[in-house]
PDB file of N, CA and C in Angstrom:
ATOM      1  N   UNK A   1       0.820  -1.192   0.000  1.00  0.00           N
ATOM      2  CA  UNK A   1       0.000   0.000   0.000  1.00  0.00           C
ATOM      3  C   UNK A   1       0.866   1.258   0.000  1.00  0.00           C
ATOM      4  N   UNK A   2       1.992   1.236   0.757  1.00  0.00           N
ATOM      5  CA  UNK A   2       2.863   2.403   0.807  1.00  0.00           C
ATOM      6  C   UNK A   2       3.523   2.649  -0.544  1.00  0.00           C
ATOM      7  N   UNK A   3       3.826   1.583  -1.271  1.00  0.00           N
ATOM      8  CA  UNK A   3       4.431   1.737  -2.598  1.00  0.00           C
ATOM      9  C   UNK A   3       3.440   2.432  -3.530  1.00  0.00           C
ATOM     10  N   UNK A   4       2.179   2.036  -3.460  1.00  0.00           N
ATOM     11  CA  UNK A   4       1.149   2.658  -4.291  1.00  0.00           C
ATOM     12  C   UNK A   4       1.015   4.141  -3.958  1.00  0.00           C
ATOM     13  N   UNK A   5       1.050   4.493  -2.674  1.00  0.00           N
ATOM     14  CA  UNK A   5       0.929   5.900  -2.275  1.00  0.00           C
ATOM     15  C   UNK A   5       2.110   6.718  -2.792  1.00  0.00           C
ATOM     16  N   UNK A   6       3.320   6.157  -2.743  1.00  0.00           N
ATOM     17  CA  UNK A   6       4.494   6.857  -3.260  1.00  0.00           C
ATOM     18  C   UNK A   6       4.381   7.074  -4.763  1.00  0.00           C
ATOM     19  N   UNK A   7       3.958   6.019  -5.469  1.00  0.00           N
ATOM     20  CA  UNK A   7       3.793   6.150  -6.924  1.00  0.00           C
ATOM     21  C   UNK A   7       2.736   7.192  -7.262  1.00  0.00           C
ATOM     22  N   UNK A   8       1.641   7.176  -6.534  1.00  0.00           N
ATOM     23  CA  UNK A   8       0.565   8.132  -6.785  1.00  0.00           C
ATOM     24  C   UNK A   8       1.051   9.558  -6.535  1.00  0.00           C
ATOM     25  N   UNK A   9       1.782   9.776  -5.468  1.00  0.00           N
ATOM     26  CA  UNK A   9       2.323  11.098  -5.153  1.00  0.00           C
ATOM     27  C   UNK A   9       3.287  11.543  -6.256  1.00  0.00           C
ATOM     28  N   UNK A  10       4.116  10.634  -6.733  1.00  0.00           N
ATOM     29  CA  UNK A  10       5.063  10.920  -7.808  1.00  0.00           C
ATOM     30  C   UNK A  10       4.320  11.371  -9.067  1.00  0.00           C
ATOM     31  N   UNK A  11       3.268  10.657  -9.459  1.00  0.00           N
ATOM     32  CA  UNK A  11       2.511  10.997 -10.665  1.00  0.00           C
ATOM     33  C   UNK A  11       1.746  12.307 -10.499  1.00  0.00           C
ATOM     34  N   UNK A  12       1.246  12.577  -9.318  1.00  0.00           N
ATOM     35  CA  UNK A  12       0.552  13.846  -9.080  1.00  0.00           C
ATOM     36  C   UNK A  12       1.507  15.032  -9.213  1.00  0.00           C
ATOM     37  N   UNK A  13       2.716  14.887  -8.697  1.00  0.00           N
ATOM     38  CA  UNK A  13       3.709  15.959  -8.821  1.00  0.00           C
ATOM     39  C   UNK A  13       4.065  16.175 -10.286  1.00  0.00           C
ATOM     40  N   UNK A  14       4.290  15.098 -11.025  1.00  0.00           N
ATOM     41  CA  UNK A  14       4.593  15.227 -12.457  1.00  0.00           C
ATOM     42  C   UNK A  14       3.442  15.878 -13.228  1.00  0.00           C
ATOM     43  N   UNK A  15       2.212  15.484 -12.920  1.00  0.00           N
ATOM     44  CA  UNK A  15       1.051  16.072 -13.597  1.00  0.00           C
ATOM     45  C   UNK A  15       0.953  17.565 -13.293  1.00  0.00           C
ATOM     46  N   UNK A  16       1.164  17.951 -12.046  1.00  0.00           N
ATOM     47  CA  UNK A  16       1.130  19.362 -11.666  1.00  0.00           C
ATOM     48  C   UNK A  16       2.185  20.158 -12.420  1.00  0.00           C
ATOM     49  N   UNK A  17       3.406  19.644 -12.494  1.00  0.00           N
ATOM     50  CA  UNK A  17       4.476  20.341 -13.213  1.00  0.00           C
ATOM     51  C   UNK A  17       4.163  20.466 -14.705  1.00  0.00           C
ATOM     52  N   UNK A  18       3.617  19.414 -15.294  1.00  0.00           N
ATOM     53  CA  UNK A  18       3.280  19.454 -16.725  1.00  0.00           C
ATOM     54  C   UNK A  18       2.183  20.478 -17.001  1.00  0.00           C
ATOM     55  N   UNK A  19       1.148  20.494 -16.189  1.00  0.00           N
ATOM     56  CA  UNK A  19       0.054  21.455 -16.376  1.00  0.00           C
ATOM     57  C   UNK A  19       0.554  22.879 -16.197  1.00  0.00           C
ATOM     58  N   UNK A  20       1.361  23.121 -15.192  1.00  0.00           N
ATOM     59  CA  UNK A  20       1.922  24.458 -14.966  1.00  0.00           C
ATOM     60  C   UNK A  20       2.765  24.893 -16.151  1.00  0.00           C
ATOM     61  N   UNK A  21       3.575  24.011 -16.679  1.00  0.00           N
ATOM     62  CA  UNK A  21       4.436  24.331 -17.823  1.00  0.00           C
ATOM     63  C   UNK A  21       3.602  24.699 -19.053  1.00  0.00           C
ATOM     64  N   UNK A  22       2.603  23.882 -19.395  1.00  0.00           N
ATOM     65  CA  UNK A  22       1.806  24.147 -20.592  1.00  0.00           C
ATOM     66  C   UNK A  22       0.927  25.382 -20.434  1.00  0.00           C
ATOM     67  N   UNK A  23       0.417  25.653 -19.261  1.00  0.00           N
ATOM     68  CA  UNK A  23      -0.374  26.870 -19.053  1.00  0.00           C
ATOM     69  C   UNK A  23       0.490  28.110 -19.213  1.00  0.00           C
ATOM     70  N   UNK A  24       1.732  28.061 -18.797  1.00  0.00           N
ATOM     71  CA  UNK A  24       2.646  29.189 -18.954  1.00  0.00           C
ATOM     72  C   UNK A  24       2.919  29.448 -20.425  1.00  0.00           C
ATOM     73  N   UNK A  25       3.106  28.410 -21.218  1.00  0.00           N
ATOM     74  CA  UNK A  25       3.363  28.571 -22.649  1.00  0.00           C
ATOM     75  C   UNK A  25       2.154  29.198 -23.334  1.00  0.00           C
ATOM     76  N   UNK A  26       0.959  28.698 -23.068  1.00  0.00           N
ATOM     77  CA  UNK A  26      -0.241  29.203 -23.726  1.00  0.00           C
ATOM     78  C   UNK A  26      -0.480  30.661 -23.367  1.00  0.00           C
ATOM     79  N   UNK A  27      -0.237  31.052 -22.145  1.00  0.00           N
ATOM     80  CA  UNK A  27      -0.466  32.416 -21.710  1.00  0.00           C
ATOM     81  C   UNK A  27       0.405  33.400 -22.479  1.00  0.00           C
ATOM     82  N   UNK A  28       1.590  33.001 -22.899  1.00  0.00           N
ATOM     83  CA  UNK A  28       2.504  33.894 -23.586  1.00  0.00           C
ATOM     84  C   UNK A  28       2.284  33.988 -25.086  1.00  0.00           C
ATOM     85  N   UNK A  29       1.425  33.153 -25.650  1.00  0.00           N
ATOM     86  CA  UNK A  29       1.238  33.127 -27.095  1.00  0.00           C
ATOM     87  C   UNK A  29       0.227  34.178 -27.542  1.00  0.00           C
ATOM     88  N   UNK A  30       0.306  34.527 -28.820  1.00  0.00           N
ATOM     89  CA  UNK A  30      -0.665  35.421 -29.441  1.00  0.00           C
ATOM     90  C   UNK A  30      -1.515  34.571 -30.383  1.00  0.00           C
ATOM     91  N   UNK A  31      -2.828  34.648 -30.229  1.00  0.00           N
ATOM     92  CA  UNK A  31      -3.727  33.867 -31.086  1.00  0.00           C
ATOM     93  C   UNK A  31      -3.747  34.454 -32.497  1.00  0.00           C
ATOM     94  N   UNK A  32      -3.892  33.612 -33.510  1.00  0.00           N
ATOM     95  CA  UNK A  32      -3.915  34.127 -34.890  1.00  0.00           C
ATOM     96  C   UNK A  32      -5.291  34.667 -35.275  1.00  0.00           C
ATOM     97  N   UNK A  33      -5.324  35.619 -36.204  1.00  0.00           N
ATOM     98  CA  UNK A  33      -6.604  36.040 -36.776  1.00  0.00           C
ATOM     99  C   UNK A  33      -7.170  34.904 -37.633  1.00  0.00           C
ATOM    100  N   UNK A  34      -8.461  34.941 -37.900  1.00  0.00           N
ATOM    101  CA  UNK A  34      -9.114  33.879 -38.674  1.00  0.00           C
ATOM    102  C   UNK A  34     -10.041  34.486 -39.729  1.00  0.00           C
ATOM    103  N   UNK A  35     -10.594  33.628 -40.554  1.00  0.00           N
ATOM    104  CA  UNK A  35     -11.608  33.968 -41.562  1.00  0.00           C
ATOM    105  C   UNK A  35     -11.171  35.078 -42.523  1.00  0.00           C
ATOM    106  N   UNK A  36     -10.051  34.882 -43.183  1.00  0.00           N
ATOM    107  CA  UNK A  36      -9.636  35.836 -44.216  1.00  0.00           C
ATOM    108  C   UNK A  36     -10.660  35.818 -45.346  1.00  0.00           C
ATOM    109  N   UNK A  37     -11.076  37.013 -45.771  1.00  0.00           N
ATOM    110  CA  UNK A  37     -12.027  37.142 -46.879  1.00  0.00           C
ATOM    111  C   UNK A  37     -11.546  38.237 -47.818  1.00  0.00           C
ATOM    112  N   UNK A  38     -11.907  38.096 -49.087  1.00  0.00           N
ATOM    113  CA  UNK A  38     -11.444  39.027 -50.122  1.00  0.00           C
ATOM    114  C   UNK A  38     -12.643  39.592 -50.871  1.00  0.00           C
ATOM    115  N   UNK A  39     -12.619  40.912 -51.099  1.00  0.00           N
ATOM    116  CA  UNK A  39     -13.684  41.586 -51.825  1.00  0.00           C
ATOM    117  C   UNK A  39     -13.047  42.501 -52.867  1.00  0.00           C
ATOM    118  N   UNK A  40     -13.312  42.228 -54.148  1.00  0.00           N
ATOM    119  CA  UNK A  40     -12.738  43.034 -55.226  1.00  0.00           C
ATOM    120  C   UNK A  40     -13.372  44.422 -55.197  1.00  0.00           C
ATOM    121  N   UNK A  41     -12.520  45.453 -55.205  1.00  0.00           N
ATOM    122  CA  UNK A  41     -12.999  46.832 -55.220  1.00  0.00           C
ATOM    123  C   UNK A  41     -12.895  47.408 -56.630  1.00  0.00           C
ATOM    124  N   UNK A  42     -11.788  47.160 -57.289  1.00  0.00           N
ATOM    125  CA  UNK A  42     -11.591  47.613 -58.672  1.00  0.00           C
ATOM    126  C   UNK A  42     -10.581  46.689 -59.339  1.00  0.00           C
ATOM    127  N   UNK A  43     -10.204  47.019 -60.570  1.00  0.00           N
ATOM    128  CA  UNK A  43      -9.277  46.162 -61.314  1.00  0.00           C
ATOM    129  C   UNK A  43      -7.897  46.068 -60.652  1.00  0.00           C
ATOM    130  N   UNK A  44      -7.540  47.049 -59.815  1.00  0.00           N
ATOM    131  CA  UNK A  44      -6.209  47.005 -59.191  1.00  0.00           C
ATOM    132  C   UNK A  44      -6.240  47.091 -57.665  1.00  0.00           C
ATOM    133  N   UNK A  45      -7.416  46.862 -57.054  1.00  0.00           N
ATOM    134  CA  UNK A  45      -7.477  46.913 -55.585  1.00  0.00           C
ATOM    135  C   UNK A  45      -8.459  45.884 -55.039  1.00  0.00           C
ATOM    136  N   UNK A  46      -8.169  45.455 -53.829  1.00  0.00           N
ATOM    137  CA  UNK A  46      -8.981  44.443 -53.160  1.00  0.00           C
ATOM    138  C   UNK A  46      -9.054  44.785 -51.675  1.00  0.00           C
ATOM    139  N   UNK A  47     -10.171  44.437 -51.060  1.00  0.00           N
ATOM    140  CA  UNK A  47     -10.318  44.608 -49.617  1.00  0.00           C
ATOM    141  C   UNK A  47     -10.163  43.241 -48.970  1.00  0.00           C
ATOM    142  N   UNK A  48      -9.311  43.172 -47.970  1.00  0.00           N
ATOM    143  CA  UNK A  48      -9.107  41.946 -47.201  1.00  0.00           C
ATOM    144  C   UNK A  48      -9.710  42.182 -45.823  1.00  0.00           C
ATOM    145  N   UNK A  49     -10.551  41.259 -45.371  1.00  0.00           N
ATOM    146  CA  UNK A  49     -11.127  41.380 -44.030  1.00  0.00           C
ATOM    147  C   UNK A  49     -10.871  40.086 -43.264  1.00  0.00           C
ATOM    148  N   UNK A  50     -11.005  40.147 -41.945  1.00  0.00           N
ATOM    149  CA  UNK A  50     -10.714  39.001 -41.099  1.00  0.00           C
ATOM    150  C   UNK A  50     -11.417  39.147 -39.764  1.00  0.00           C
ATOM    151  N   UNK A  51     -11.417  38.064 -39.015  1.00  0.00           N
ATOM    152  CA  UNK A  51     -11.944  38.065 -37.652  1.00  0.00           C
ATOM    153  C   UNK A  51     -10.761  38.213 -36.705  1.00  0.00           C
ATOM    154  N   UNK A  52     -10.872  39.163 -35.792  1.00  0.00           N
ATOM    155  CA  UNK A  52      -9.789  39.430 -34.840  1.00  0.00           C
ATOM    156  C   UNK A  52      -9.612  38.255 -33.877  1.00  0.00           C
ATOM    157  N   UNK A  53      -8.387  38.017 -33.441  1.00  0.00           N
ATOM    158  CA  UNK A  53      -8.161  36.945 -32.463  1.00  0.00           C
ATOM    159  C   UNK A  53      -8.642  37.363 -31.079  1.00  0.00           C
ATOM    160  N   UNK A  54      -8.846  36.386 -30.244  1.00  0.00           N
ATOM    161  CA  UNK A  54      -9.187  36.669 -28.840  1.00  0.00           C
ATOM    162  C   UNK A  54      -7.919  37.006 -28.085  1.00  0.00           C
ATOM    163  N   UNK A  55      -8.076  37.716 -27.011  1.00  0.00           N
ATOM    164  CA  UNK A  55      -6.925  38.043 -26.176  1.00  0.00           C
ATOM    165  C   UNK A  55      -6.303  39.372 -26.557  1.00  0.00           C
ATOM    166  N   UNK A  56      -5.262  39.705 -25.840  1.00  0.00           N
ATOM    167  CA  UNK A  56      -4.588  40.984 -26.053  1.00  0.00           C
ATOM    168  C   UNK A  56      -3.474  40.838 -27.082  1.00  0.00           C
ATOM    169  N   UNK A  57      -3.355  41.853 -27.939  1.00  0.00           N
ATOM    170  CA  UNK A  57      -2.262  41.908 -28.902  1.00  0.00           C
ATOM    171  C   UNK A  57      -2.085  43.363 -29.318  1.00  0.00           C
ATOM    172  N   UNK A  58      -0.915  43.675 -29.850  1.00  0.00           N
ATOM    173  CA  UNK A  58      -0.580  45.058 -30.163  1.00  0.00           C
ATOM    174  C   UNK A  58      -1.020  45.529 -31.528  1.00  0.00           C
ATOM    175  N   UNK A  59      -1.079  44.642 -32.511  1.00  0.00           N
ATOM    176  CA  UNK A  59      -1.438  45.033 -33.867  1.00  0.00           C
ATOM    177  C   UNK A  59      -1.252  43.883 -34.829  1.00  0.00           C
ATOM    178  N   UNK A  60      -1.263  44.228 -36.120  1.00  0.00           N
ATOM    179  CA  UNK A  60      -1.141  43.235 -37.182  1.00  0.00           C
ATOM    180  C   UNK A  60      -0.018  43.604 -38.140  1.00  0.00           C
ATOM    181  N   UNK A  61       0.530  42.570 -38.766  1.00  0.00           N
ATOM    182  CA  UNK A  61       1.388  42.724 -39.937  1.00  0.00           C
ATOM    183  C   UNK A  61       0.670  42.016 -41.077  1.00  0.00           C
ATOM    184  N   UNK A  62       0.382  42.752 -42.148  1.00  0.00           N
ATOM    185  CA  UNK A  62      -0.254  42.184 -43.326  1.00  0.00           C
ATOM    186  C   UNK A  62       0.781  42.130 -44.433  1.00  0.00           C
ATOM    187  N   UNK A  63       1.079  40.926 -44.908  1.00  0.00           N
ATOM    188  CA  UNK A  63       2.080  40.719 -45.955  1.00  0.00           C
ATOM    189  C   UNK A  63       1.382  40.241 -47.221  1.00  0.00           C
ATOM    190  N   UNK A  64       1.611  40.952 -48.325  1.00  0.00           N
ATOM    191  CA  UNK A  64       1.007  40.605 -49.611  1.00  0.00           C
ATOM    192  C   UNK A  64       2.121  40.517 -50.640  1.00  0.00           C
ATOM    193  N   UNK A  65       2.150  39.419 -51.402  1.00  0.00           N
ATOM    194  CA  UNK A  65       3.202  39.223 -52.409  1.00  0.00           C
ATOM    195  C   UNK A  65       2.635  38.477 -53.612  1.00  0.00           C
ATOM    196  N   UNK A  66       3.169  38.749 -54.803  1.00  0.00           N
ATOM    197  CA  UNK A  66       2.781  37.944 -55.964  1.00  0.00           C
ATOM    198  C   UNK A  66       3.168  36.484 -55.725  1.00  0.00           C
ATOM    199  N   UNK A  67       2.271  35.561 -56.059  1.00  0.00           N
ATOM    200  CA  UNK A  67       2.543  34.140 -55.839  1.00  0.00           C
ATOM    201  C   UNK A  67       3.715  33.657 -56.685  1.00  0.00           C
ATOM    202  N   UNK A  68       3.956  34.314 -57.811  1.00  0.00           N
ATOM    203  CA  UNK A  68       5.053  33.914 -58.696  1.00  0.00           C
ATOM    204  C   UNK A  68       6.405  34.429 -58.214  1.00  0.00           C
ATOM    205  N   UNK A  69       6.412  35.166 -57.136  1.00  0.00           N
ATOM    206  CA  UNK A  69       7.646  35.743 -56.610  1.00  0.00           C
ATOM    207  C   UNK A  69       7.666  37.240 -56.851  1.00  0.00           C
ATOM    208  N   UNK A  70       8.505  37.905 -56.152  1.00  0.00           N
ATOM    209  CA  UNK A  70       8.574  39.355 -56.279  1.00  0.00           C
ATOM    210  C   UNK A  70       8.560  40.008 -54.919  1.00  0.00           C
ATOM    211  N   UNK A  71       8.378  41.300 -54.928  1.00  0.00           N
ATOM    212  CA  UNK A  71       8.446  42.091 -53.702  1.00  0.00           C
ATOM    213  C   UNK A  71       7.252  41.820 -52.789  1.00  0.00           C
ATOM    214  N   UNK A  72       7.539  41.582 -51.519  1.00  0.00           N
ATOM    215  CA  UNK A  72       6.500  41.443 -50.507  1.00  0.00           C
ATOM    216  C   UNK A  72       6.219  42.815 -49.915  1.00  0.00           C
ATOM    217  N   UNK A  73       4.961  43.213 -49.944  1.00  0.00           N
ATOM    218  CA  UNK A  73       4.551  44.482 -49.345  1.00  0.00           C
ATOM    219  C   UNK A  73       4.005  44.219 -47.954  1.00  0.00           C
ATOM    220  N   UNK A  74       4.412  45.044 -46.990  1.00  0.00           N
ATOM    221  CA  UNK A  74       3.977  44.876 -45.611  1.00  0.00           C
ATOM    222  C   UNK A  74       3.236  46.110 -45.144  1.00  0.00           C
ATOM    223  N   UNK A  75       2.071  45.893 -44.554  1.00  0.00           N
ATOM    224  CA  UNK A  75       1.311  46.954 -43.909  1.00  0.00           C
ATOM    225  C   UNK A  75       1.281  46.650 -42.427  1.00  0.00           C
ATOM    226  N   UNK A  76       1.545  47.638 -41.597  1.00  0.00           N
ATOM    227  CA  UNK A  76       1.399  47.504 -40.156  1.00  0.00           C
ATOM    228  C   UNK A  76       0.084  48.166 -39.767  1.00  0.00           C
ATOM    229  N   UNK A  77      -0.761  47.408 -39.061  1.00  0.00           N
ATOM    230  CA  UNK A  77      -2.108  47.867 -38.743  1.00  0.00           C
ATOM    231  C   UNK A  77      -2.350  47.853 -37.241  1.00  0.00           C
ATOM    232  N   UNK A  78      -3.241  48.724 -36.785  1.00  0.00           N
ATOM    233  CA  UNK A  78      -3.605  48.770 -35.371  1.00  0.00           C
ATOM    234  C   UNK A  78      -4.409  47.534 -34.983  1.00  0.00           C
ATOM    235  N   UNK A  79      -4.454  47.244 -33.697  1.00  0.00           N
ATOM    236  CA  UNK A  79      -5.169  46.053 -33.233  1.00  0.00           C
ATOM    237  C   UNK A  79      -6.684  46.167 -33.400  1.00  0.00           C
ATOM    238  N   UNK A  80      -7.204  47.366 -33.633  1.00  0.00           N
ATOM    239  CA  UNK A  80      -8.646  47.539 -33.835  1.00  0.00           C
ATOM    240  C   UNK A  80      -9.069  47.269 -35.283  1.00  0.00           C
ATOM    241  N   UNK A  81      -8.115  47.139 -36.196  1.00  0.00           N
ATOM    242  CA  UNK A  81      -8.428  46.929 -37.616  1.00  0.00           C
ATOM    243  C   UNK A  81      -8.959  45.519 -37.855  1.00  0.00           C
ATOM    244  N   UNK A  82      -9.957  45.412 -38.718  1.00  0.00           N
ATOM    245  CA  UNK A  82     -10.440  44.105 -39.169  1.00  0.00           C
ATOM    246  C   UNK A  82     -10.557  44.056 -40.684  1.00  0.00           C
ATOM    247  N   UNK A  83     -10.027  45.072 -41.357  1.00  0.00           N
ATOM    248  CA  UNK A  83      -9.983  45.063 -42.818  1.00  0.00           C
ATOM    249  C   UNK A  83      -8.921  46.034 -43.307  1.00  0.00           C
ATOM    250  N   UNK A  84      -8.475  45.795 -44.541  1.00  0.00           N
ATOM    251  CA  UNK A  84      -7.472  46.656 -45.173  1.00  0.00           C
ATOM    252  C   UNK A  84      -7.696  46.614 -46.677  1.00  0.00           C
ATOM    253  N   UNK A  85      -7.385  47.720 -47.345  1.00  0.00           N
ATOM    254  CA  UNK A  85      -7.497  47.791 -48.798  1.00  0.00           C
ATOM    255  C   UNK A  85      -6.092  47.785 -49.385  1.00  0.00           C
ATOM    256  N   UNK A  86      -5.878  46.884 -50.326  1.00  0.00           N
ATOM    257  CA  UNK A  86      -4.597  46.775 -51.024  1.00  0.00           C
ATOM    258  C   UNK A  86      -4.791  47.332 -52.430  1.00  0.00           C
ATOM    259  N   UNK A  87      -3.958  48.303 -52.799  1.00  0.00           N
ATOM    260  CA  UNK A  87      -4.061  48.940 -54.113  1.00  0.00           C
ATOM    261  C   UNK A  87      -2.797  48.686 -54.926  1.00  0.00           C
ATOM    262  N   UNK A  88      -2.892  48.948 -56.226  1.00  0.00           N
ATOM    263  CA  UNK A  88      -1.734  48.808 -57.102  1.00  0.00           C
ATOM    264  C   UNK A  88      -1.450  47.388 -57.534  1.00  0.00           C
ATOM    265  N   UNK A  89      -2.490  46.558 -57.560  1.00  0.00           N
ATOM    266  CA  UNK A  89      -2.312  45.167 -57.976  1.00  0.00           C
ATOM    267  C   UNK A  89      -2.154  45.074 -59.491  1.00  0.00           C
ATOM    268  N   UNK A  90      -1.355  44.124 -59.917  1.00  0.00           N
ATOM    269  CA  UNK A  90      -1.211  43.854 -61.347  1.00  0.00           C
ATOM    270  C   UNK A  90      -2.382  42.988 -61.801  1.00  0.00           C
ATOM    271  N   UNK A  91      -2.887  43.187 -63.038  1.00  0.00           N
ATOM    272  CA  UNK A  91      -4.050  42.417 -63.493  1.00  0.00           C
ATOM    273  C   UNK A  91      -3.745  40.933 -63.676  1.00  0.00           C
ATOM    274  N   UNK A  92      -4.752  40.139 -63.371  1.00  0.00           N
ATOM    275  CA  UNK A  92      -4.719  38.685 -63.546  1.00  0.00           C
ATOM    276  C   UNK A  92      -3.483  38.031 -62.937  1.00  0.00           C
ATOM    277  N   UNK A  93      -3.196  38.403 -61.715  1.00  0.00           N
ATOM    278  CA  UNK A  93      -2.065  37.831 -60.978  1.00  0.00           C
ATOM    279  C   UNK A  93      -2.581  37.139 -59.721  1.00  0.00           C
ATOM    280  N   UNK A  94      -1.941  36.038 -59.351  1.00  0.00           N
ATOM    281  CA  UNK A  94      -2.218  35.387 -58.074  1.00  0.00           C
ATOM    282  C   UNK A  94      -1.351  36.038 -57.009  1.00  0.00           C
ATOM    283  N   UNK A  95      -1.944  36.273 -55.845  1.00  0.00           N
ATOM    284  CA  UNK A  95      -1.229  36.880 -54.724  1.00  0.00           C
ATOM    285  C   UNK A  95      -1.385  36.002 -53.490  1.00  0.00           C
ATOM    286  N   UNK A  96      -0.367  35.992 -52.656  1.00  0.00           N
ATOM    287  CA  UNK A  96      -0.440  35.309 -51.361  1.00  0.00           C
ATOM    288  C   UNK A  96      -0.559  36.361 -50.267  1.00  0.00           C
ATOM    289  N   UNK A  97      -1.277  36.000 -49.226  1.00  0.00           N
ATOM    290  CA  UNK A  97      -1.518  36.905 -48.101  1.00  0.00           C
ATOM    291  C   UNK A  97      -1.145  36.185 -46.817  1.00  0.00           C
ATOM    292  N   UNK A  98      -0.466  36.898 -45.933  1.00  0.00           N
ATOM    293  CA  UNK A  98      -0.220  36.417 -44.576  1.00  0.00           C
ATOM    294  C   UNK A  98      -0.608  37.541 -43.625  1.00  0.00           C
ATOM    295  N   UNK A  99      -1.413  37.202 -42.630  1.00  0.00           N
ATOM    296  CA  UNK A  99      -1.822  38.170 -41.616  1.00  0.00           C
ATOM    297  C   UNK A  99      -1.366  37.641 -40.265  1.00  0.00           C
ATOM    298  N   UNK A 100      -0.559  38.435 -39.577  1.00  0.00           N
ATOM    299  CA  UNK A 100       0.047  38.018 -38.314  1.00  0.00           C
ATOM    300  C   UNK A 100      -0.336  39.015 -37.230  1.00  0.00           C
ATOM    301  N   UNK A 101      -0.860  38.513 -36.121  1.00  0.00           N
ATOM    302  CA  UNK A 101      -1.091  39.359 -34.950  1.00  0.00           C
ATOM    303  C   UNK A 101       0.179  39.323 -34.108  1.00  0.00           C
ATOM    304  N   UNK A 102       0.516  40.452 -33.501  1.00  0.00           N
ATOM    305  CA  UNK A 102       1.734  40.475 -32.690  1.00  0.00           C
ATOM    306  C   UNK A 102       1.507  41.245 -31.395  1.00  0.00           C
ATOM    307  N   UNK A 103       2.370  40.975 -30.445  1.00  0.00           N
ATOM    308  CA  UNK A 103       2.361  41.669 -29.166  1.00  0.00           C
ATOM    309  C   UNK A 103       3.790  41.726 -28.662  1.00  0.00           C
ATOM    310  N   UNK A 104       4.366  42.894 -28.626  1.00  0.00           N
ATOM    311  CA  UNK A 104       5.761  43.108 -28.217  1.00  0.00           C
ATOM    312  C   UNK A 104       6.684  42.219 -29.036  1.00  0.00           C
ATOM    313  N   UNK A 105       7.272  41.190 -28.428  1.00  0.00           N
ATOM    314  CA  UNK A 105       8.236  40.344 -29.144  1.00  0.00           C
ATOM    315  C   UNK A 105       7.656  38.993 -29.563  1.00  0.00           C
ATOM    316  N   UNK A 106       6.334  38.829 -29.493  1.00  0.00           N
ATOM    317  CA  UNK A 106       5.702  37.561 -29.865  1.00  0.00           C
ATOM    318  C   UNK A 106       4.781  37.771 -31.060  1.00  0.00           C
ATOM    319  N   UNK A 107       4.687  36.736 -31.915  1.00  0.00           N
ATOM    320  CA  UNK A 107       3.821  36.782 -33.088  1.00  0.00           C
ATOM    321  C   UNK A 107       2.937  35.541 -33.132  1.00  0.00           C
ATOM    322  N   UNK A 108       1.753  35.705 -33.707  1.00  0.00           N
ATOM    323  CA  UNK A 108       0.869  34.558 -33.915  1.00  0.00           C
ATOM    324  C   UNK A 108       1.348  33.764 -35.124  1.00  0.00           C
ATOM    325  N   UNK A 109       0.788  32.597 -35.273  1.00  0.00           N
ATOM    326  CA  UNK A 109       0.970  31.883 -36.535  1.00  0.00           C
ATOM    327  C   UNK A 109       0.222  32.690 -37.593  1.00  0.00           C
ATOM    328  N   UNK A 110       0.709  32.708 -38.826  1.00  0.00           N
ATOM    329  CA  UNK A 110       0.024  33.525 -39.838  1.00  0.00           C
ATOM    330  C   UNK A 110      -1.288  32.900 -40.312  1.00  0.00           C
ATOM    331  N   UNK A 111      -2.291  33.764 -40.495  1.00  0.00           N
ATOM    332  CA  UNK A 111      -3.482  33.368 -41.245  1.00  0.00           C
ATOM    333  C   UNK A 111      -3.083  33.548 -42.703  1.00  0.00           C
ATOM    334  N   UNK A 112      -3.261  32.521 -43.517  1.00  0.00           N
ATOM    335  CA  UNK A 112      -2.753  32.562 -44.885  1.00  0.00           C
ATOM    336  C   UNK A 112      -3.872  32.369 -45.893  1.00  0.00           C
ATOM    337  N   UNK A 113      -3.680  32.971 -47.057  1.00  0.00           N
ATOM    338  CA  UNK A 113      -4.654  32.816 -48.122  1.00  0.00           C
ATOM    339  C   UNK A 113      -4.086  33.270 -49.450  1.00  0.00           C
ATOM    340  N   UNK A 114      -4.899  33.119 -50.486  1.00  0.00           N
ATOM    341  CA  UNK A 114      -4.522  33.557 -51.832  1.00  0.00           C
ATOM    342  C   UNK A 114      -5.728  34.182 -52.501  1.00  0.00           C
ATOM    343  N   UNK A 115      -5.464  35.090 -53.432  1.00  0.00           N
ATOM    344  CA  UNK A 115      -6.514  35.635 -54.275  1.00  0.00           C
ATOM    345  C   UNK A 115      -5.920  35.926 -55.646  1.00  0.00           C
ATOM    346  N   UNK A 116      -6.808  36.150 -56.606  1.00  0.00           N
ATOM    347  CA  UNK A 116      -6.379  36.487 -57.965  1.00  0.00           C
ATOM    348  C   UNK A 116      -6.988  37.834 -58.323  1.00  0.00           C
ATOM    349  N   UNK A 117      -6.157  38.747 -58.796  1.00  0.00           N
ATOM    350  CA  UNK A 117      -6.651  40.059 -59.217  1.00  0.00           C
ATOM    351  C   UNK A 117      -7.390  39.926 -60.550  1.00  0.00           C
ATOM    352  N   UNK A 118      -8.273  40.879 -60.812  1.00  0.00           N
ATOM    353  CA  UNK A 118      -9.088  40.835 -62.037  1.00  0.00           C
ATOM    354  C   UNK A 118      -8.446  41.675 -63.132  1.00  0.00           C
ATOM    355  N   UNK A 119      -8.980  41.544 -64.340  1.00  0.00           N
ATOM    356  CA  UNK A 119      -8.454  42.296 -65.472  1.00  0.00           C
ATOM    357  C   UNK A 119      -9.188  43.600 -65.614  1.00  0.00           C
TER     358      UNK A 119
END
């Protein structure tokens, strides 16, 4: 019986340490934005909208680049933003989008998507 009690105490201590460790990691993370949506405004511009993540964060980094390669454009947005308009798109091109929420020195995983500009 004493051996069982020692083993049980050992497992309880390990479980407590594991839970404490994982809760600390989750608390420090920034949740990603979700539900990227695209709305064509004109032949060279598009509106990108999203659902804000839960929790506290400082703002967003929106990265847009031609899927075939080329210059990546970055917009820095306030944490209250849930949409942005991208202008100067080339006609009939595929573009990749990454939206990252950040807070001080931490970043969320990127919400990713693609769209095609119109002619």
